């Protein structure tokens, strides 16, 4: 079975490291970007199987990245999990309006994130 490719877009190095370790341990190939513009560029050039996207990013925020990918026919089928410390209900509703497929609040429970990833990858 081919490894699924996951793009993590987060400007916090610690979060990138923790997620990379956790996902590689679960047999995923991990790509990463530390700002929104780099994340958008990598999403378009690498076409990952799933994107884990922070909202508060330098250069281009996660809302714009999500919207630009979800409203582009070539990339709209890539599942996007919004991964953020903004954990209010209104934030989650807004994220879903932007086209996000799921919402995970930081700090996160690894089993919940992995379960949501598996669910979205199965639908794809």
C-alpha atoms as a PDB file:
ATOM      1  CA  UNK A   1       0.000   0.000   0.000  1.00  0.00           C
ATOM      2  CA  UNK A   2       1.286   3.455  -0.905  1.00  0.00           C
ATOM      3  CA  UNK A   3       1.892   5.870   1.917  1.00  0.00           C
ATOM      4  CA  UNK A   4      -0.604   8.713   2.029  1.00  0.00           C
ATOM      5  CA  UNK A   5       1.033  12.128   1.694  1.00  0.00           C
ATOM      6  CA  UNK A   6       0.054  14.675   4.333  1.00  0.00           C
ATOM      7  CA  UNK A   7       0.908  18.372   4.102  1.00  0.00           C
ATOM      8  CA  UNK A   8       1.164  20.150   7.461  1.00  0.00           C
ATOM      9  CA  UNK A   9       1.028  23.955   7.299  1.00  0.00           C
ATOM     10  CA  UNK A  10       1.930  25.489  10.674  1.00  0.00           C
ATOM     11  CA  UNK A  11       4.345  28.215  11.715  1.00  0.00           C
ATOM     12  CA  UNK A  12       5.151  26.616  15.077  1.00  0.00           C
ATOM     13  CA  UNK A  13       8.213  24.381  14.696  1.00  0.00           C
ATOM     14  CA  UNK A  14       7.269  22.355  17.806  1.00  0.00           C
ATOM     15  CA  UNK A  15       3.853  21.519  16.338  1.00  0.00           C
ATOM     16  CA  UNK A  16       5.405  20.529  13.011  1.00  0.00           C
ATOM     17  CA  UNK A  17       7.879  18.245  14.791  1.00  0.00           C
ATOM     18  CA  UNK A  18       5.234  16.578  16.975  1.00  0.00           C
ATOM     19  CA  UNK A  19       2.880  16.037  14.038  1.00  0.00           C
ATOM     20  CA  UNK A  20       5.668  14.790  11.750  1.00  0.00           C
ATOM     21  CA  UNK A  21       6.786  12.258  14.387  1.00  0.00           C
ATOM     22  CA  UNK A  22       3.225  11.085  15.086  1.00  0.00           C
ATOM     23  CA  UNK A  23       2.249  10.792  11.413  1.00  0.00           C
ATOM     24  CA  UNK A  24       5.451   9.097  10.264  1.00  0.00           C
ATOM     25  CA  UNK A  25       5.013   6.589  13.109  1.00  0.00           C
ATOM     26  CA  UNK A  26       1.598   5.838  11.592  1.00  0.00           C
ATOM     27  CA  UNK A  27       3.044   5.249   8.115  1.00  0.00           C
ATOM     28  CA  UNK A  28       2.245   8.606   6.507  1.00  0.00           C
ATOM     29  CA  UNK A  29       4.623  10.570   4.295  1.00  0.00           C
ATOM     30  CA  UNK A  30       4.857  14.109   5.694  1.00  0.00           C
ATOM     31  CA  UNK A  31       5.402  17.362   3.814  1.00  0.00           C
ATOM     32  CA  UNK A  32       5.509  20.644   5.701  1.00  0.00           C
ATOM     33  CA  UNK A  33       5.290  24.390   5.222  1.00  0.00           C
ATOM     34  CA  UNK A  34       5.775  27.146   7.787  1.00  0.00           C
ATOM     35  CA  UNK A  35       3.692  29.922   6.211  1.00  0.00           C
ATOM     36  CA  UNK A  36       0.507  30.192   4.182  1.00  0.00           C
ATOM     37  CA  UNK A  37       2.118  31.056   0.852  1.00  0.00           C
ATOM     38  CA  UNK A  38       4.544  28.134   1.075  1.00  0.00           C
ATOM     39  CA  UNK A  39       1.640  25.883   2.084  1.00  0.00           C
ATOM     40  CA  UNK A  40      -0.447  26.980  -0.898  1.00  0.00           C
ATOM     41  CA  UNK A  41       2.486  26.490  -3.273  1.00  0.00           C
ATOM     42  CA  UNK A  42       3.270  23.011  -1.885  1.00  0.00           C
ATOM     43  CA  UNK A  43      -0.388  21.991  -2.006  1.00  0.00           C
ATOM     44  CA  UNK A  44      -0.479  22.891  -5.691  1.00  0.00           C
ATOM     45  CA  UNK A  45       2.888  21.385  -6.634  1.00  0.00           C
ATOM     46  CA  UNK A  46       2.757  18.222  -4.487  1.00  0.00           C
ATOM     47  CA  UNK A  47      -1.009  17.481  -4.499  1.00  0.00           C
ATOM     48  CA  UNK A  48      -1.021  15.817  -1.044  1.00  0.00           C
ATOM     49  CA  UNK A  49      -3.730  13.357  -0.020  1.00  0.00           C
ATOM     50  CA  UNK A  50      -4.716  15.561   2.936  1.00  0.00           C
ATOM     51  CA  UNK A  51      -3.772  18.953   4.415  1.00  0.00           C
ATOM     52  CA  UNK A  52      -3.537  19.888   8.099  1.00  0.00           C
ATOM     53  CA  UNK A  53      -3.798  23.676   8.098  1.00  0.00           C
ATOM     54  CA  UNK A  54      -3.250  26.204  10.878  1.00  0.00           C
ATOM     55  CA  UNK A  55      -5.187  29.479  10.584  1.00  0.00           C
ATOM     56  CA  UNK A  56      -2.826  32.018  12.085  1.00  0.00           C
ATOM     57  CA  UNK A  57       0.027  31.949   9.570  1.00  0.00           C
ATOM     58  CA  UNK A  58       2.517  34.488   8.212  1.00  0.00           C
ATOM     59  CA  UNK A  59       2.219  35.763   4.609  1.00  0.00           C
ATOM     60  CA  UNK A  60      -1.189  34.208   3.873  1.00  0.00           C
ATOM     61  CA  UNK A  61      -3.605  33.122   6.599  1.00  0.00           C
ATOM     62  CA  UNK A  62      -5.160  29.682   6.706  1.00  0.00           C
ATOM     63  CA  UNK A  63      -8.611  31.036   5.784  1.00  0.00           C
ATOM     64  CA  UNK A  64      -7.286  32.310   2.458  1.00  0.00           C
ATOM     65  CA  UNK A  65      -5.278  29.147   1.778  1.00  0.00           C
ATOM     66  CA  UNK A  66      -8.335  26.977   2.452  1.00  0.00           C
ATOM     67  CA  UNK A  67     -10.607  29.139   0.316  1.00  0.00           C
ATOM     68  CA  UNK A  68      -8.141  29.304  -2.589  1.00  0.00           C
ATOM     69  CA  UNK A  69      -7.753  25.515  -2.653  1.00  0.00           C
ATOM     70  CA  UNK A  70     -11.414  24.649  -2.113  1.00  0.00           C
ATOM     71  CA  UNK A  71     -12.637  26.998  -4.829  1.00  0.00           C
ATOM     72  CA  UNK A  72     -10.166  25.666  -7.404  1.00  0.00           C
ATOM     73  CA  UNK A  73     -11.419  22.654  -9.397  1.00  0.00           C
ATOM     74  CA  UNK A  74      -7.933  21.116  -9.454  1.00  0.00           C
ATOM     75  CA  UNK A  75      -7.537  21.023  -5.663  1.00  0.00           C
ATOM     76  CA  UNK A  76     -10.996  21.093  -4.094  1.00  0.00           C
ATOM     77  CA  UNK A  77     -11.049  17.325  -3.536  1.00  0.00           C
ATOM     78  CA  UNK A  78      -8.048  17.461  -1.172  1.00  0.00           C
ATOM     79  CA  UNK A  79      -9.434  17.149   2.377  1.00  0.00           C
ATOM     80  CA  UNK A  80      -8.420  19.997   4.691  1.00  0.00           C
ATOM     81  CA  UNK A  81      -8.370  19.741   8.472  1.00  0.00           C
ATOM     82  CA  UNK A  82      -8.258  23.141  10.149  1.00  0.00           C
ATOM     83  CA  UNK A  83      -5.873  22.798  13.078  1.00  0.00           C
ATOM     84  CA  UNK A  84      -6.014  25.814  15.361  1.00  0.00           C
ATOM     85  CA  UNK A  85      -5.999  27.209  18.871  1.00  0.00           C
ATOM     86  CA  UNK A  86      -9.098  29.258  17.967  1.00  0.00           C
ATOM     87  CA  UNK A  87     -11.571  26.903  19.561  1.00  0.00           C
ATOM     88  CA  UNK A  88     -14.844  28.786  19.760  1.00  0.00           C
ATOM     89  CA  UNK A  89     -17.955  27.402  18.069  1.00  0.00           C
ATOM     90  CA  UNK A  90     -18.244  30.437  15.762  1.00  0.00           C
ATOM     91  CA  UNK A  91     -14.649  29.855  14.584  1.00  0.00           C
ATOM     92  CA  UNK A  92     -15.459  26.250  13.719  1.00  0.00           C
ATOM     93  CA  UNK A  93     -18.603  27.268  11.817  1.00  0.00           C
ATOM     94  CA  UNK A  94     -16.660  29.911   9.859  1.00  0.00           C
ATOM     95  CA  UNK A  95     -13.923  27.400   9.000  1.00  0.00           C
ATOM     96  CA  UNK A  96     -16.496  25.007   7.591  1.00  0.00           C
ATOM     97  CA  UNK A  97     -17.955  27.839   5.487  1.00  0.00           C
ATOM     98  CA  UNK A  98     -14.471  28.332   4.006  1.00  0.00           C
ATOM     99  CA  UNK A  99     -14.661  24.763   2.733  1.00  0.00           C
ATOM    100  CA  UNK A 100     -12.734  22.928   5.465  1.00  0.00           C
ATOM    101  CA  UNK A 101     -13.582  19.244   5.848  1.00  0.00           C
ATOM    102  CA  UNK A 102     -12.864  19.039   9.575  1.00  0.00           C
ATOM    103  CA  UNK A 103     -11.796  21.127  12.545  1.00  0.00           C
ATOM    104  CA  UNK A 104      -9.398  20.070  15.316  1.00  0.00           C
ATOM    105  CA  UNK A 105      -8.612  22.414  18.201  1.00  0.00           C
ATOM    106  CA  UNK A 106      -5.144  22.721  19.747  1.00  0.00           C
ATOM    107  CA  UNK A 107      -4.057  21.287  22.088  1.00  0.00           C
ATOM    108  CA  UNK A 108      -5.129  18.112  20.348  1.00  0.00           C
ATOM    109  CA  UNK A 109      -5.605  14.470  21.147  1.00  0.00           C
ATOM    110  CA  UNK A 110      -3.482  12.469  18.648  1.00  0.00           C
ATOM    111  CA  UNK A 111      -6.007   9.624  18.432  1.00  0.00           C
ATOM    112  CA  UNK A 112      -8.770  12.069  17.457  1.00  0.00           C
ATOM    113  CA  UNK A 113      -6.627  13.678  14.758  1.00  0.00           C
ATOM    114  CA  UNK A 114      -5.566  10.307  13.333  1.00  0.00           C
ATOM    115  CA  UNK A 115      -9.156   9.053  13.386  1.00  0.00           C
ATOM    116  CA  UNK A 116     -10.403  12.131  11.529  1.00  0.00           C
ATOM    117  CA  UNK A 117      -7.589  11.798   8.985  1.00  0.00           C
ATOM    118  CA  UNK A 118      -8.453   8.140   8.328  1.00  0.00           C
ATOM    119  CA  UNK A 119     -12.136   8.996   7.948  1.00  0.00           C
ATOM    120  CA  UNK A 120     -11.429  11.754   5.400  1.00  0.00           C
ATOM    121  CA  UNK A 121      -8.886   9.684   3.467  1.00  0.00           C
ATOM    122  CA  UNK A 122     -11.371   6.817   3.155  1.00  0.00           C
ATOM    123  CA  UNK A 123     -13.955   9.175   1.641  1.00  0.00           C
ATOM    124  CA  UNK A 124     -11.488  10.499  -0.915  1.00  0.00           C
END
